[in-house]
């Protein structure tokens, strides 16, 4: 498998070395498959430093390095690619969809979660700073965080799986607020549904907790890896939409 999530790797090619721009180009080929060379020139953020010939050189070098795993063709300013191995970022959406579908029908098994965690070992090219990479990384994080936040609430989830999720998303510790805690917090909470977390994600929201007694605040944040304080007596927590809707219903009653 060709992996872009967490550490980059191609099958058993332990000695393969790609430059930053070669790696970005390979990732873009995996995502788009067919595109114009000007697109790659734009996302490499090299305007003013290099000509389009520089991108052609990157692709030429990349082809030579990954020819056993990926077929990259350049013709009349168009690029097409064919990956001979499976690619984690192409498999991920299908795995997420499969897990969500099984959750709806209460048919989720431990092996499904293990497969997902084996696939999403970390964020997309976390060691690279590039606008396109960061945007795509945030999109994948949004999708996976939404699913992980639901799985993390499951009473049947193993401790080992929880630890793996927390290593990737420490903020999951903030997302778990049970109904008994909500009842005690309902008088102190302002609800903002649909606030953005890692980009557009309507399944997550923000709880702004104000004027909460100190002892209750300490109990709430105990064990949390991250808490955002916006004032002396106000904190912000990321929670899933189910929790928010439960709180709204509770406040109405």
C-alpha atoms as a PDB file:
ATOM      1  CA  UNK A   1       0.000   0.000   0.000  1.00  0.00           C
ATOM      2  CA  UNK A   2       1.082   3.569  -0.693  1.00  0.00           C
ATOM      3  CA  UNK A   3       0.649   5.540   2.529  1.00  0.00           C
ATOM      4  CA  UNK A   4       0.303   9.292   2.958  1.00  0.00           C
ATOM      5  CA  UNK A   5      -1.418   9.142   6.368  1.00  0.00           C
ATOM      6  CA  UNK A   6       1.136   9.442   9.159  1.00  0.00           C
ATOM      7  CA  UNK A   7       4.552   8.477   7.819  1.00  0.00           C
ATOM      8  CA  UNK A   8       4.906   8.263   4.036  1.00  0.00           C
ATOM      9  CA  UNK A   9       5.788   4.867   2.578  1.00  0.00           C
ATOM     10  CA  UNK A  10       5.428   2.869  -0.624  1.00  0.00           C
ATOM     11  CA  UNK A  11       5.113  -0.858  -0.033  1.00  0.00           C
ATOM     12  CA  UNK A  12       8.478  -2.269   1.009  1.00  0.00           C
ATOM     13  CA  UNK A  13      10.556   0.526  -0.547  1.00  0.00           C
ATOM     14  CA  UNK A  14      12.302   1.575   2.650  1.00  0.00           C
ATOM     15  CA  UNK A  15      15.119   3.406   0.846  1.00  0.00           C
ATOM     16  CA  UNK A  16      12.931   5.576  -1.395  1.00  0.00           C
ATOM     17  CA  UNK A  17      13.627   9.278  -0.892  1.00  0.00           C
ATOM     18  CA  UNK A  18      11.394  11.979  -2.355  1.00  0.00           C
ATOM     19  CA  UNK A  19      11.831  15.724  -2.132  1.00  0.00           C
ATOM     20  CA  UNK A  20       9.058  17.845  -0.636  1.00  0.00           C
ATOM     21  CA  UNK A  21       7.736  18.867  -4.054  1.00  0.00           C
ATOM     22  CA  UNK A  22       7.997  15.335  -5.441  1.00  0.00           C
ATOM     23  CA  UNK A  23       5.938  14.092  -2.514  1.00  0.00           C
ATOM     24  CA  UNK A  24       3.318  16.821  -2.991  1.00  0.00           C
ATOM     25  CA  UNK A  25       3.152  15.978  -6.702  1.00  0.00           C
ATOM     26  CA  UNK A  26       2.685  12.265  -5.956  1.00  0.00           C
ATOM     27  CA  UNK A  27      -0.061  12.993  -3.425  1.00  0.00           C
ATOM     28  CA  UNK A  28      -1.826  15.272  -5.917  1.00  0.00           C
ATOM     29  CA  UNK A  29      -1.653  12.505  -8.527  1.00  0.00           C
ATOM     30  CA  UNK A  30      -3.282  10.147  -6.030  1.00  0.00           C
ATOM     31  CA  UNK A  31      -6.116  12.582  -5.316  1.00  0.00           C
ATOM     32  CA  UNK A  32      -6.803  13.934  -8.816  1.00  0.00           C
ATOM     33  CA  UNK A  33      -5.516  11.193 -11.190  1.00  0.00           C
ATOM     34  CA  UNK A  34      -6.026  13.499 -14.214  1.00  0.00           C
ATOM     35  CA  UNK A  35      -5.252  17.210 -14.256  1.00  0.00           C
ATOM     36  CA  UNK A  36      -3.383  19.982 -16.065  1.00  0.00           C
ATOM     37  CA  UNK A  37       0.257  20.641 -15.283  1.00  0.00           C
ATOM     38  CA  UNK A  38      -0.600  24.279 -14.439  1.00  0.00           C
ATOM     39  CA  UNK A  39      -2.629  23.017 -11.454  1.00  0.00           C
ATOM     40  CA  UNK A  40       0.460  21.358 -10.014  1.00  0.00           C
ATOM     41  CA  UNK A  41       2.519  24.466 -10.742  1.00  0.00           C
ATOM     42  CA  UNK A  42      -0.001  26.517  -8.733  1.00  0.00           C
ATOM     43  CA  UNK A  43      -0.131  24.263  -5.670  1.00  0.00           C
ATOM     44  CA  UNK A  44       3.650  23.915  -5.439  1.00  0.00           C
ATOM     45  CA  UNK A  45       3.737  27.624  -4.547  1.00  0.00           C
ATOM     46  CA  UNK A  46       6.832  28.189  -6.659  1.00  0.00           C
ATOM     47  CA  UNK A  47       5.523  31.034  -8.847  1.00  0.00           C
ATOM     48  CA  UNK A  48       8.188  33.653  -9.378  1.00  0.00           C
ATOM     49  CA  UNK A  49      10.951  31.217  -8.478  1.00  0.00           C
ATOM     50  CA  UNK A  50      10.684  28.619 -11.237  1.00  0.00           C
ATOM     51  CA  UNK A  51       9.188  28.172 -14.681  1.00  0.00           C
ATOM     52  CA  UNK A  52       6.743  25.437 -15.679  1.00  0.00           C
ATOM     53  CA  UNK A  53       9.801  23.454 -16.821  1.00  0.00           C
ATOM     54  CA  UNK A  54      10.622  22.967 -13.141  1.00  0.00           C
ATOM     55  CA  UNK A  55       7.363  21.066 -12.652  1.00  0.00           C
ATOM     56  CA  UNK A  56       8.158  18.884 -15.661  1.00  0.00           C
ATOM     57  CA  UNK A  57      11.526  18.084 -14.098  1.00  0.00           C
ATOM     58  CA  UNK A  58       9.842  17.141 -10.813  1.00  0.00           C
ATOM     59  CA  UNK A  59       7.494  14.790 -12.654  1.00  0.00           C
ATOM     60  CA  UNK A  60      10.377  13.268 -14.633  1.00  0.00           C
ATOM     61  CA  UNK A  61      12.342  12.564 -11.451  1.00  0.00           C
ATOM     62  CA  UNK A  62       9.222  11.265  -9.707  1.00  0.00           C
ATOM     63  CA  UNK A  63       8.429   8.883 -12.567  1.00  0.00           C
ATOM     64  CA  UNK A  64      11.905   7.383 -12.356  1.00  0.00           C
ATOM     65  CA  UNK A  65      11.655   6.871  -8.591  1.00  0.00           C
ATOM     66  CA  UNK A  66       8.156   5.356  -8.372  1.00  0.00           C
ATOM     67  CA  UNK A  67       7.867   3.657 -11.775  1.00  0.00           C
ATOM     68  CA  UNK A  68       7.368   0.227 -10.178  1.00  0.00           C
ATOM     69  CA  UNK A  69       4.338   1.452  -8.221  1.00  0.00           C
ATOM     70  CA  UNK A  70       2.860   4.391 -10.134  1.00  0.00           C
ATOM     71  CA  UNK A  71       2.563   5.145 -13.842  1.00  0.00           C
ATOM     72  CA  UNK A  72       2.686   8.917 -14.479  1.00  0.00           C
ATOM     73  CA  UNK A  73       2.182  10.270 -17.996  1.00  0.00           C
ATOM     74  CA  UNK A  74       2.557  13.848 -19.238  1.00  0.00           C
ATOM     75  CA  UNK A  75       1.095  14.762 -22.628  1.00  0.00           C
ATOM     76  CA  UNK A  76       0.289  18.207 -24.038  1.00  0.00           C
ATOM     77  CA  UNK A  77       0.166  19.819 -20.622  1.00  0.00           C
ATOM     78  CA  UNK A  78      -2.046  17.121 -19.124  1.00  0.00           C
ATOM     79  CA  UNK A  79      -1.034  14.658 -16.438  1.00  0.00           C
ATOM     80  CA  UNK A  80      -2.575  11.257 -15.834  1.00  0.00           C
ATOM     81  CA  UNK A  81      -1.575   8.676 -13.248  1.00  0.00           C
ATOM     82  CA  UNK A  82      -2.327   5.065 -12.470  1.00  0.00           C
ATOM     83  CA  UNK A  83      -1.470   3.582  -9.087  1.00  0.00           C
ATOM     84  CA  UNK A  84      -0.635  -0.119  -9.198  1.00  0.00           C
ATOM     85  CA  UNK A  85      -0.855  -0.410  -5.416  1.00  0.00           C
ATOM     86  CA  UNK A  86      -3.777   0.601  -3.219  1.00  0.00           C
ATOM     87  CA  UNK A  87      -3.480   4.070  -1.694  1.00  0.00           C
ATOM     88  CA  UNK A  88      -4.611   4.883   1.850  1.00  0.00           C
ATOM     89  CA  UNK A  89      -6.157   8.273   1.036  1.00  0.00           C
ATOM     90  CA  UNK A  90      -8.241   6.683  -1.729  1.00  0.00           C
ATOM     91  CA  UNK A  91      -9.343   3.773   0.475  1.00  0.00           C
ATOM     92  CA  UNK A  92     -10.163   5.950   3.521  1.00  0.00           C
ATOM     93  CA  UNK A  93     -13.505   7.465   2.338  1.00  0.00           C
ATOM     94  CA  UNK A  94     -14.836   3.996   1.535  1.00  0.00           C
ATOM     95  CA  UNK A  95     -13.751   2.658   4.937  1.00  0.00           C
ATOM     96  CA  UNK A  96     -15.386   5.581   6.735  1.00  0.00           C
ATOM     97  CA  UNK A  97     -18.594   5.066   4.759  1.00  0.00           C
ATOM     98  CA  UNK A  98     -18.562   1.336   5.544  1.00  0.00           C
ATOM     99  CA  UNK A  99     -18.114   1.909   9.285  1.00  0.00           C
ATOM    100  CA  UNK A 100     -20.845   4.569   9.383  1.00  0.00           C
ATOM    101  CA  UNK A 101     -23.242   2.278   7.525  1.00  0.00           C
ATOM    102  CA  UNK A 102     -22.552  -0.596   9.929  1.00  0.00           C
ATOM    103  CA  UNK A 103     -23.071   1.734  12.891  1.00  0.00           C
ATOM    104  CA  UNK A 104     -26.530   2.633  11.566  1.00  0.00           C
ATOM    105  CA  UNK A 105     -27.504  -1.036  11.522  1.00  0.00           C
ATOM    106  CA  UNK A 106     -25.737  -1.917  14.807  1.00  0.00           C
ATOM    107  CA  UNK A 107     -23.538  -4.335  12.873  1.00  0.00           C
ATOM    108  CA  UNK A 108     -20.152  -2.823  13.684  1.00  0.00           C
ATOM    109  CA  UNK A 109     -17.449  -5.311  14.678  1.00  0.00           C
ATOM    110  CA  UNK A 110     -14.085  -4.843  16.378  1.00  0.00           C
ATOM    111  CA  UNK A 111     -12.313  -5.802  13.155  1.00  0.00           C
ATOM    112  CA  UNK A 112     -13.977  -2.864  11.368  1.00  0.00           C
ATOM    113  CA  UNK A 113     -12.542  -0.410  13.888  1.00  0.00           C
ATOM    114  CA  UNK A 114      -9.142  -2.098  13.824  1.00  0.00           C
ATOM    115  CA  UNK A 115      -9.043  -1.849  10.024  1.00  0.00           C
ATOM    116  CA  UNK A 116      -9.911   1.853  10.163  1.00  0.00           C
ATOM    117  CA  UNK A 117      -7.245   2.569  12.788  1.00  0.00           C
ATOM    118  CA  UNK A 118      -4.671   0.603  10.796  1.00  0.00           C
ATOM    119  CA  UNK A 119      -5.497   2.799   7.811  1.00  0.00           C
ATOM    120  CA  UNK A 120      -5.659   6.196   9.548  1.00  0.00           C
ATOM    121  CA  UNK A 121      -2.349   6.020  11.440  1.00  0.00           C
ATOM    122  CA  UNK A 122      -1.918   9.774  11.479  1.00  0.00           C
ATOM    123  CA  UNK A 123      -2.789  12.920   9.570  1.00  0.00           C
ATOM    124  CA  UNK A 124      -2.143  13.501   5.868  1.00  0.00           C
ATOM    125  CA  UNK A 125       1.548  14.358   5.279  1.00  0.00           C
ATOM    126  CA  UNK A 126       1.792  16.018   8.729  1.00  0.00           C
ATOM    127  CA  UNK A 127       5.425  17.024   8.180  1.00  0.00           C
ATOM    128  CA  UNK A 128       4.745  19.152   5.071  1.00  0.00           C
ATOM    129  CA  UNK A 129       3.779  22.829   5.042  1.00  0.00           C
ATOM    130  CA  UNK A 130       1.870  23.645   1.870  1.00  0.00           C
ATOM    131  CA  UNK A 131      -1.522  25.312   1.391  1.00  0.00           C
ATOM    132  CA  UNK A 132      -3.019  22.491  -0.663  1.00  0.00           C
ATOM    133  CA  UNK A 133      -1.634  19.791   1.632  1.00  0.00           C
ATOM    134  CA  UNK A 134      -2.935  21.597   4.713  1.00  0.00           C
ATOM    135  CA  UNK A 135      -6.373  22.084   3.157  1.00  0.00           C
ATOM    136  CA  UNK A 136      -6.675  18.428   2.163  1.00  0.00           C
ATOM    137  CA  UNK A 137      -5.331  17.377   5.562  1.00  0.00           C
ATOM    138  CA  UNK A 138      -8.020  19.415   7.329  1.00  0.00           C
ATOM    139  CA  UNK A 139     -10.725  17.901   5.147  1.00  0.00           C
ATOM    140  CA  UNK A 140      -9.654  14.349   6.017  1.00  0.00           C
ATOM    141  CA  UNK A 141      -9.293  15.269   9.693  1.00  0.00           C
ATOM    142  CA  UNK A 142     -12.823  16.630   9.695  1.00  0.00           C
ATOM    143  CA  UNK A 143     -14.263  13.414   8.254  1.00  0.00           C
ATOM    144  CA  UNK A 144     -12.327  11.104  10.557  1.00  0.00           C
ATOM    145  CA  UNK A 145     -12.761  13.204  13.704  1.00  0.00           C
ATOM    146  CA  UNK A 146     -16.516  13.183  13.216  1.00  0.00           C
ATOM    147  CA  UNK A 147     -16.524   9.374  13.041  1.00  0.00           C
ATOM    148  CA  UNK A 148     -13.994   8.874  15.838  1.00  0.00           C
ATOM    149  CA  UNK A 149     -16.029  11.110  18.161  1.00  0.00           C
ATOM    150  CA  UNK A 150     -18.998   8.769  17.706  1.00  0.00           C
ATOM    151  CA  UNK A 151     -16.929   5.606  18.093  1.00  0.00           C
ATOM    152  CA  UNK A 152     -15.209   6.975  21.192  1.00  0.00           C
ATOM    153  CA  UNK A 153     -18.562   7.214  22.944  1.00  0.00           C
ATOM    154  CA  UNK A 154     -19.253   3.510  22.390  1.00  0.00           C
ATOM    155  CA  UNK A 155     -19.203   1.464  25.581  1.00  0.00           C
ATOM    156  CA  UNK A 156     -17.937  -1.551  23.645  1.00  0.00           C
ATOM    157  CA  UNK A 157     -14.860   0.205  22.229  1.00  0.00           C
ATOM    158  CA  UNK A 158     -11.690  -1.422  23.555  1.00  0.00           C
ATOM    159  CA  UNK A 159      -9.193   0.551  25.630  1.00  0.00           C
ATOM    160  CA  UNK A 160      -6.498  -0.142  23.041  1.00  0.00           C
ATOM    161  CA  UNK A 161      -8.624   1.409  20.290  1.00  0.00           C
ATOM    162  CA  UNK A 162      -9.413   4.426  22.481  1.00  0.00           C
ATOM    163  CA  UNK A 163      -5.713   4.995  23.106  1.00  0.00           C
ATOM    164  CA  UNK A 164      -4.953   4.840  19.383  1.00  0.00           C
ATOM    165  CA  UNK A 165      -7.693   7.384  18.698  1.00  0.00           C
ATOM    166  CA  UNK A 166      -6.427   9.690  21.447  1.00  0.00           C
ATOM    167  CA  UNK A 167      -2.882   9.603  20.067  1.00  0.00           C
ATOM    168  CA  UNK A 168      -4.249  10.956  16.780  1.00  0.00           C
ATOM    169  CA  UNK A 169      -6.961  13.246  18.210  1.00  0.00           C
ATOM    170  CA  UNK A 170      -6.180  14.206  21.844  1.00  0.00           C
ATOM    171  CA  UNK A 171      -9.219  16.520  21.727  1.00  0.00           C
ATOM    172  CA  UNK A 172     -11.496  13.455  21.769  1.00  0.00           C
ATOM    173  CA  UNK A 173     -11.051  13.498  25.526  1.00  0.00           C
ATOM    174  CA  UNK A 174     -12.936  16.804  25.485  1.00  0.00           C
ATOM    175  CA  UNK A 175     -15.758  15.417  23.399  1.00  0.00           C
ATOM    176  CA  UNK A 176     -17.152  12.943  25.884  1.00  0.00           C
ATOM    177  CA  UNK A 177     -19.776  14.492  28.147  1.00  0.00           C
ATOM    178  CA  UNK A 178     -22.436  12.147  29.475  1.00  0.00           C
ATOM    179  CA  UNK A 179     -26.061  13.113  30.087  1.00  0.00           C
ATOM    180  CA  UNK A 180     -25.686  13.274  33.861  1.00  0.00           C
ATOM    181  CA  UNK A 181     -22.945  15.856  33.387  1.00  0.00           C
ATOM    182  CA  UNK A 182     -25.123  17.723  30.906  1.00  0.00           C
ATOM    183  CA  UNK A 183     -27.931  17.956  33.448  1.00  0.00           C
ATOM    184  CA  UNK A 184     -25.614  19.650  35.910  1.00  0.00           C
ATOM    185  CA  UNK A 185     -24.203  21.938  33.213  1.00  0.00           C
ATOM    186  CA  UNK A 186     -27.428  22.922  31.461  1.00  0.00           C
ATOM    187  CA  UNK A 187     -27.774  26.180  33.371  1.00  0.00           C
ATOM    188  CA  UNK A 188     -24.278  27.317  32.441  1.00  0.00           C
ATOM    189  CA  UNK A 189     -24.062  26.377  28.769  1.00  0.00           C
ATOM    190  CA  UNK A 190     -24.504  28.431  25.603  1.00  0.00           C
ATOM    191  CA  UNK A 191     -24.895  26.331  22.460  1.00  0.00           C
ATOM    192  CA  UNK A 192     -23.523  27.139  19.016  1.00  0.00           C
ATOM    193  CA  UNK A 193     -24.601  24.453  16.552  1.00  0.00           C
ATOM    194  CA  UNK A 194     -22.578  23.961  13.388  1.00  0.00           C
ATOM    195  CA  UNK A 195     -19.483  25.849  14.498  1.00  0.00           C
ATOM    196  CA  UNK A 196     -16.571  24.846  12.317  1.00  0.00           C
ATOM    197  CA  UNK A 197     -13.997  22.391  13.591  1.00  0.00           C
ATOM    198  CA  UNK A 198     -11.204  21.495  11.163  1.00  0.00           C
ATOM    199  CA  UNK A 199     -13.226  23.117   8.383  1.00  0.00           C
ATOM    200  CA  UNK A 200     -16.878  22.624   7.508  1.00  0.00           C
ATOM    201  CA  UNK A 201     -18.389  19.933   9.710  1.00  0.00           C
ATOM    202  CA  UNK A 202     -22.028  20.160  10.705  1.00  0.00           C
ATOM    203  CA  UNK A 203     -21.769  17.077  12.920  1.00  0.00           C
ATOM    204  CA  UNK A 204     -19.667  18.901  15.480  1.00  0.00           C
ATOM    205  CA  UNK A 205     -20.408  21.896  17.614  1.00  0.00           C
ATOM    206  CA  UNK A 206     -19.018  24.104  20.330  1.00  0.00           C
ATOM    207  CA  UNK A 207     -20.194  24.286  23.929  1.00  0.00           C
ATOM    208  CA  UNK A 208     -19.391  27.581  25.608  1.00  0.00           C
ATOM    209  CA  UNK A 209     -19.663  27.087  29.349  1.00  0.00           C
ATOM    210  CA  UNK A 210     -19.933  30.294  31.362  1.00  0.00           C
ATOM    211  CA  UNK A 211     -20.018  31.197  35.066  1.00  0.00           C
ATOM    212  CA  UNK A 212     -19.467  27.583  36.056  1.00  0.00           C
ATOM    213  CA  UNK A 213     -18.579  26.913  39.717  1.00  0.00           C
ATOM    214  CA  UNK A 214     -14.899  26.148  40.218  1.00  0.00           C
ATOM    215  CA  UNK A 215     -15.401  22.654  41.640  1.00  0.00           C
ATOM    216  CA  UNK A 216     -17.666  21.703  38.712  1.00  0.00           C
ATOM    217  CA  UNK A 217     -15.166  23.158  36.244  1.00  0.00           C
ATOM    218  CA  UNK A 218     -12.316  21.149  37.756  1.00  0.00           C
ATOM    219  CA  UNK A 219     -14.323  17.938  37.515  1.00  0.00           C
ATOM    220  CA  UNK A 220     -15.240  18.705  33.921  1.00  0.00           C
ATOM    221  CA  UNK A 221     -11.721  19.321  32.651  1.00  0.00           C
ATOM    222  CA  UNK A 222      -9.993  16.634  34.719  1.00  0.00           C
ATOM    223  CA  UNK A 223      -8.110  14.390  32.312  1.00  0.00           C
ATOM    224  CA  UNK A 224      -8.705  16.640  29.305  1.00  0.00           C
ATOM    225  CA  UNK A 225      -5.626  17.155  27.156  1.00  0.00           C
ATOM    226  CA  UNK A 226      -6.869  20.452  25.721  1.00  0.00           C
ATOM    227  CA  UNK A 227      -9.320  23.038  26.987  1.00  0.00           C
ATOM    228  CA  UNK A 228      -9.809  26.503  25.518  1.00  0.00           C
ATOM    229  CA  UNK A 229     -10.298  29.235  28.121  1.00  0.00           C
ATOM    230  CA  UNK A 230     -11.836  32.388  26.657  1.00  0.00           C
ATOM    231  CA  UNK A 231     -12.204  34.200  29.951  1.00  0.00           C
ATOM    232  CA  UNK A 232     -11.752  33.804  33.683  1.00  0.00           C
ATOM    233  CA  UNK A 233     -14.994  31.852  33.951  1.00  0.00           C
ATOM    234  CA  UNK A 234     -15.666  30.608  30.432  1.00  0.00           C
ATOM    235  CA  UNK A 235     -14.375  27.508  28.636  1.00  0.00           C
ATOM    236  CA  UNK A 236     -14.983  26.045  25.179  1.00  0.00           C
ATOM    237  CA  UNK A 237     -15.387  22.331  24.471  1.00  0.00           C
ATOM    238  CA  UNK A 238     -15.782  20.487  21.163  1.00  0.00           C
ATOM    239  CA  UNK A 239     -18.651  17.987  21.218  1.00  0.00           C
ATOM    240  CA  UNK A 240     -20.640  15.994  18.691  1.00  0.00           C
ATOM    241  CA  UNK A 241     -24.034  17.161  17.489  1.00  0.00           C
ATOM    242  CA  UNK A 242     -25.882  14.382  19.336  1.00  0.00           C
ATOM    243  CA  UNK A 243     -24.661  15.792  22.626  1.00  0.00           C
ATOM    244  CA  UNK A 244     -25.677  19.309  21.614  1.00  0.00           C
ATOM    245  CA  UNK A 245     -29.177  18.253  20.565  1.00  0.00           C
ATOM    246  CA  UNK A 246     -29.590  16.324  23.819  1.00  0.00           C
ATOM    247  CA  UNK A 247     -28.649  19.476  25.698  1.00  0.00           C
ATOM    248  CA  UNK A 248     -31.074  21.629  23.690  1.00  0.00           C
ATOM    249  CA  UNK A 249     -33.893  19.189  24.410  1.00  0.00           C
ATOM    250  CA  UNK A 250     -32.978  19.182  28.085  1.00  0.00           C
ATOM    251  CA  UNK A 251     -32.991  23.004  28.253  1.00  0.00           C
ATOM    252  CA  UNK A 252     -36.408  23.167  26.550  1.00  0.00           C
ATOM    253  CA  UNK A 253     -37.871  20.733  29.056  1.00  0.00           C
END
